[in-house]
């Protein structure tokens, strides 16, 4: 019996779904955690990532731009750089490292390290390299509150504000300011602690990126004294119920 066009179309859709599942099989389902490294202009910085394979790639993505390849290493051979910048060196050993000398504002970006081939990549780590701008001393970013303690099911609100130190002559820049939020997880695997961690925000304004101080979000821990009193209360209630039950049984036997 010949296949109809509808049946062929359904078959192609199934094959496409299988291929997509195979392609994305090695990517983690949970959000990728990106750490933050803040440096001053002119400093030397080394970004470190665990190596899961003999093949690894370093990628760089600036805010608002596409991802660029920085370096490639195959079978522990001499690392191959995809950039002519002599300030950048890469090496491999126990960890994969990317070193940038004399850091400038142009180096500010998110750096990703992937292990494996381009067909079966495995995410190793992500690092956001923030370079402070000394020319923007009149502007600052404030994140409030500084410490937040939440219970499961509570609503949390953080406010990111761009402040000007000079009230009389505030800095005016064309365009709309962009706000980015970052969170560093605590490593806890409890489902009721998915929102706890360290937060900070960044504002892109006047051609630069300004970062706030960190806000720590925690869940209140149960105090040992409260736990002890709770156990004692349960024991007292249990003893009273047992006493009442025993008294009722004795009364029925006497009757």
Protein backbone atom coordinates (compact mmCIF):
# COMPACT_ATOMS: atom_id res chain seq x y z
CA UNK A 1 0.00 0.00 0.00
CA UNK A 2 1.59 3.33 -1.03
CA UNK A 3 2.28 5.89 1.66
CA UNK A 4 0.31 9.11 1.56
CA UNK A 5 1.80 12.57 1.84
CA UNK A 6 0.40 12.92 5.37
CA UNK A 7 2.06 9.69 6.51
CA UNK A 8 5.39 10.76 5.02
CA UNK A 9 5.12 14.11 6.74
CA UNK A 10 4.43 12.45 10.10
CA UNK A 11 7.41 10.14 9.60
CA UNK A 12 9.69 13.09 8.88
CA UNK A 13 8.44 14.89 12.02
CA UNK A 14 9.21 11.82 14.16
CA UNK A 15 12.71 11.51 12.67
CA UNK A 16 13.30 15.23 13.27
CA UNK A 17 12.23 14.88 16.90
CA UNK A 18 14.61 11.93 17.39
CA UNK A 19 17.52 13.87 15.86
CA UNK A 20 16.85 16.91 18.06
CA UNK A 21 16.72 14.71 21.17
CA UNK A 22 20.06 13.15 20.25
CA UNK A 23 21.62 16.57 19.64
CA UNK A 24 20.55 18.03 22.97
CA UNK A 25 21.02 14.83 24.97
CA UNK A 26 24.30 15.98 26.54
CA UNK A 27 23.06 19.38 27.69
CA UNK A 28 21.98 19.70 31.34
CA UNK A 29 18.29 20.33 31.98
CA UNK A 30 18.99 22.62 34.93
CA UNK A 31 20.03 26.25 34.36
CA UNK A 32 23.77 26.66 33.89
CA UNK A 33 25.47 28.41 36.79
CA UNK A 34 27.84 31.21 35.77
CA UNK A 35 30.34 32.49 38.33
CA UNK A 36 31.47 36.14 38.44
CA UNK A 37 35.01 37.51 38.51
CA UNK A 38 35.44 41.28 39.01
CA UNK A 39 38.84 42.79 38.15
CA UNK A 40 40.41 46.22 37.68
CA UNK A 41 41.73 47.43 34.30
CA UNK A 42 45.38 46.48 33.80
CA UNK A 43 45.24 43.38 35.97
CA UNK A 44 46.11 39.84 34.85
CA UNK A 45 43.35 37.27 35.24
CA UNK A 46 43.25 33.49 34.85
CA UNK A 47 39.93 31.72 34.24
CA UNK A 48 39.92 28.07 35.31
CA UNK A 49 37.58 25.27 34.29
CA UNK A 50 37.62 21.51 34.89
CA UNK A 51 38.58 19.43 31.85
CA UNK A 52 36.26 16.53 31.05
CA UNK A 53 37.87 15.61 27.75
CA UNK A 54 41.08 15.87 25.73
CA UNK A 55 39.23 18.33 23.51
CA UNK A 56 38.01 21.62 24.92
CA UNK A 57 36.90 25.00 23.60
CA UNK A 58 36.86 28.48 25.13
CA UNK A 59 34.14 30.83 23.91
CA UNK A 60 33.57 34.52 24.63
CA UNK A 61 30.24 36.32 24.54
CA UNK A 62 29.95 40.04 25.23
CA UNK A 63 26.66 41.52 26.34
CA UNK A 64 24.54 42.09 23.25
CA UNK A 65 26.90 40.22 20.89
CA UNK A 66 27.11 36.70 19.48
CA UNK A 67 29.54 34.10 20.77
CA UNK A 68 33.13 34.02 19.46
CA UNK A 69 35.67 31.20 19.67
CA UNK A 70 38.73 32.14 21.73
CA UNK A 71 40.77 28.92 21.81
CA UNK A 72 40.73 25.21 20.94
CA UNK A 73 42.78 22.36 22.41
CA UNK A 74 42.95 18.82 20.99
CA UNK A 75 44.65 15.78 22.60
CA UNK A 76 46.73 17.94 24.97
CA UNK A 77 48.64 19.40 22.08
CA UNK A 78 49.82 22.98 22.07
CA UNK A 79 46.68 25.04 22.42
CA UNK A 80 45.36 26.66 19.27
CA UNK A 81 44.15 30.23 19.70
CA UNK A 82 41.48 31.67 17.45
CA UNK A 83 42.58 35.22 18.20
CA UNK A 84 45.65 37.31 17.34
CA UNK A 85 45.64 38.92 20.79
CA UNK A 86 49.07 38.19 22.31
CA UNK A 87 47.71 38.94 25.80
CA UNK A 88 45.69 35.71 25.77
CA UNK A 89 47.22 32.31 26.53
CA UNK A 90 45.54 28.96 27.13
CA UNK A 91 46.85 25.79 28.74
CA UNK A 92 45.62 22.42 29.92
CA UNK A 93 46.57 20.08 32.72
CA UNK A 94 44.42 19.12 35.64
CA UNK A 95 42.24 22.09 34.63
CA UNK A 96 41.70 24.13 31.48
CA UNK A 97 42.92 27.70 31.94
CA UNK A 98 42.52 30.89 29.97
CA UNK A 99 44.84 33.74 30.97
CA UNK A 100 44.34 37.36 29.91
CA UNK A 101 47.11 39.85 30.66
CA UNK A 102 46.56 43.59 31.06
CA UNK A 103 42.77 43.30 31.14
CA UNK A 104 40.79 46.07 29.43
CA UNK A 105 37.11 46.95 29.20
CA UNK A 106 36.91 45.12 25.86
CA UNK A 107 37.64 41.85 27.68
CA UNK A 108 34.45 42.13 29.71
CA UNK A 109 32.27 39.19 28.68
CA UNK A 110 30.98 35.77 29.64
CA UNK A 111 33.56 33.05 28.95
CA UNK A 112 32.33 29.48 28.41
CA UNK A 113 34.41 26.34 28.44
CA UNK A 114 33.07 23.26 26.64
CA UNK A 115 34.62 19.79 26.51
CA UNK A 116 34.23 17.33 23.66
CA UNK A 117 33.64 17.78 19.96
CA UNK A 118 31.34 20.31 18.36
CA UNK A 119 28.86 17.49 17.71
CA UNK A 120 28.81 16.24 21.32
CA UNK A 121 29.74 19.21 23.51
CA UNK A 122 29.59 19.07 27.30
CA UNK A 123 29.34 22.25 29.34
CA UNK A 124 32.27 22.57 31.76
CA UNK A 125 31.90 26.05 33.25
CA UNK A 126 30.89 29.63 32.63
CA UNK A 127 32.59 32.72 34.05
CA UNK A 128 31.46 36.32 33.69
CA UNK A 129 34.51 38.59 33.68
CA UNK A 130 33.54 42.07 34.87
CA UNK A 131 36.03 44.91 34.39
CA UNK A 132 35.39 48.01 36.48
CA UNK A 133 35.45 51.41 34.78
CA UNK A 134 37.30 54.12 36.70
CA UNK A 135 35.87 56.78 34.37
CA UNK A 136 32.35 56.16 35.69
CA UNK A 137 32.93 57.21 39.29
CA UNK A 138 29.80 59.40 39.28
CA UNK A 139 27.52 56.43 38.69
CA UNK A 140 26.86 53.43 40.90
CA UNK A 141 24.38 50.56 41.08
CA UNK A 142 22.67 49.64 44.33
CA UNK A 143 20.84 46.38 44.98
CA UNK A 144 18.44 46.30 47.92
CA UNK A 145 17.93 44.71 50.36
CA UNK A 146 21.40 43.39 51.16
CA UNK A 147 20.21 40.27 53.02
CA UNK A 148 16.93 38.43 52.45
CA UNK A 149 15.54 35.54 54.49
CA UNK A 150 12.58 33.74 52.90
CA UNK A 151 10.35 30.80 53.72
CA UNK A 152 9.12 28.30 51.15
CA UNK A 153 6.26 29.87 49.19
CA UNK A 154 7.17 33.45 50.14
CA UNK A 155 7.47 36.19 47.52
CA UNK A 156 10.88 37.84 47.15
CA UNK A 157 11.50 41.30 45.69
CA UNK A 158 14.91 42.79 44.85
CA UNK A 159 15.38 46.33 43.54
CA UNK A 160 18.26 47.38 41.27
CA UNK A 161 18.83 51.15 41.15
CA UNK A 162 21.21 53.32 39.11
CA UNK A 163 22.44 56.18 41.31
CA UNK A 164 24.34 59.35 40.46
CA UNK A 165 26.84 60.75 42.96
CA UNK A 166 26.56 64.25 41.48
CA UNK A 167 22.96 65.34 42.08
CA UNK A 168 23.39 68.73 40.37
CA UNK A 169 24.99 67.42 37.18
CA UNK A 170 23.74 63.88 36.65
CA UNK A 171 25.13 61.85 33.76
CA UNK A 172 22.78 61.65 30.78
CA UNK A 173 23.38 59.02 28.11
CA UNK A 174 21.37 58.28 24.97
CA UNK A 175 19.38 55.10 24.67
CA UNK A 176 17.72 52.88 27.25
CA UNK A 177 19.66 51.37 30.15
CA UNK A 178 19.77 47.56 30.12
CA UNK A 179 19.58 45.57 33.37
CA UNK A 180 20.99 42.05 33.81
CA UNK A 181 20.49 39.78 36.81
CA UNK A 182 22.98 37.17 38.04
CA UNK A 183 22.61 34.44 40.64
CA UNK A 184 25.22 32.14 42.11
CA UNK A 185 23.77 28.95 43.56
CA UNK A 186 24.69 27.54 46.96
CA UNK A 187 24.96 23.96 45.75
CA UNK A 188 21.93 22.81 47.75
CA UNK A 189 19.77 20.19 46.05
CA UNK A 190 16.66 20.69 48.19
CA UNK A 191 13.63 21.67 46.10
CA UNK A 192 12.54 24.25 48.67
CA UNK A 193 15.84 26.14 48.32
CA UNK A 194 15.91 26.75 44.56
CA UNK A 195 15.83 30.53 45.00
CA UNK A 196 18.49 30.87 47.68
CA UNK A 197 21.94 32.03 46.69
CA UNK A 198 23.87 35.22 45.96
CA UNK A 199 22.30 37.77 43.62
CA UNK A 200 23.67 40.86 41.91
CA UNK A 201 22.53 43.08 39.08
CA UNK A 202 24.36 44.91 36.29
CA UNK A 203 23.28 48.02 34.39
CA UNK A 204 24.58 48.77 30.90
CA UNK A 205 24.71 52.55 30.50
CA UNK A 206 26.93 55.11 28.77
CA UNK A 207 28.76 52.31 26.96
CA UNK A 208 29.85 50.55 30.14
CA UNK A 209 28.61 47.92 32.58
CA UNK A 210 28.16 48.80 36.26
CA UNK A 211 27.73 46.11 38.90
CA UNK A 212 25.97 46.23 42.25
CA UNK A 213 27.09 44.72 45.51
CA UNK A 214 25.86 41.22 46.30
CA UNK A 215 22.58 40.33 47.99
CA UNK A 216 22.46 37.06 49.91
CA UNK A 217 19.15 35.18 49.95
CA UNK A 218 18.82 32.49 52.61
CA UNK A 219 16.18 30.39 54.33
CA UNK A 220 15.95 30.60 58.14
CA UNK A 221 17.49 27.63 59.89
CA UNK A 222 15.60 25.82 62.61
CA UNK A 223 17.20 26.70 65.95
CA UNK A 224 18.18 23.74 68.18
CA UNK A 225 16.22 25.20 71.12
CA UNK A 226 13.05 25.45 69.04
CA UNK A 227 13.52 21.87 67.85
CA UNK A 228 14.05 20.64 71.43
CA UNK A 229 10.95 22.45 72.69
CA UNK A 230 8.92 20.97 69.84
CA UNK A 231 10.06 17.45 70.72
CA UNK A 232 9.25 18.03 74.40
CA UNK A 233 5.80 19.34 73.48
CA UNK A 234 5.07 16.23 71.41
CA UNK A 235 6.22 14.01 74.28
CA UNK A 236 4.02 15.86 76.78
CA UNK A 237 0.95 15.65 74.56
CA UNK A 238 1.59 11.95 73.96
CA UNK A 239 1.95 11.30 77.72
CA UNK A 240 -1.27 13.19 78.50
CA UNK A 241 -3.20 11.24 75.85
CA UNK A 242 -1.85 7.96 77.17
CA UNK A 243 -2.83 8.94 80.72
CA UNK A 244 -6.35 9.87 79.63
CA UNK A 245 -6.74 6.63 77.71
CA UNK A 246 -5.49 4.61 80.68
CA UNK A 247 -7.89 6.36 83.05
CA UNK A 248 -10.83 5.74 80.70
CA UNK A 249 -9.98 2.04 80.41
CA UNK A 250 -9.73 1.69 84.22
CA UNK A 251 -13.11 3.34 84.65
CA UNK A 252 -14.74 0.97 82.19
CA UNK A 253 -13.23 -2.09 83.95
CA UNK A 254 -14.48 -0.89 87.36
CA UNK A 255 -17.96 -0.46 85.94
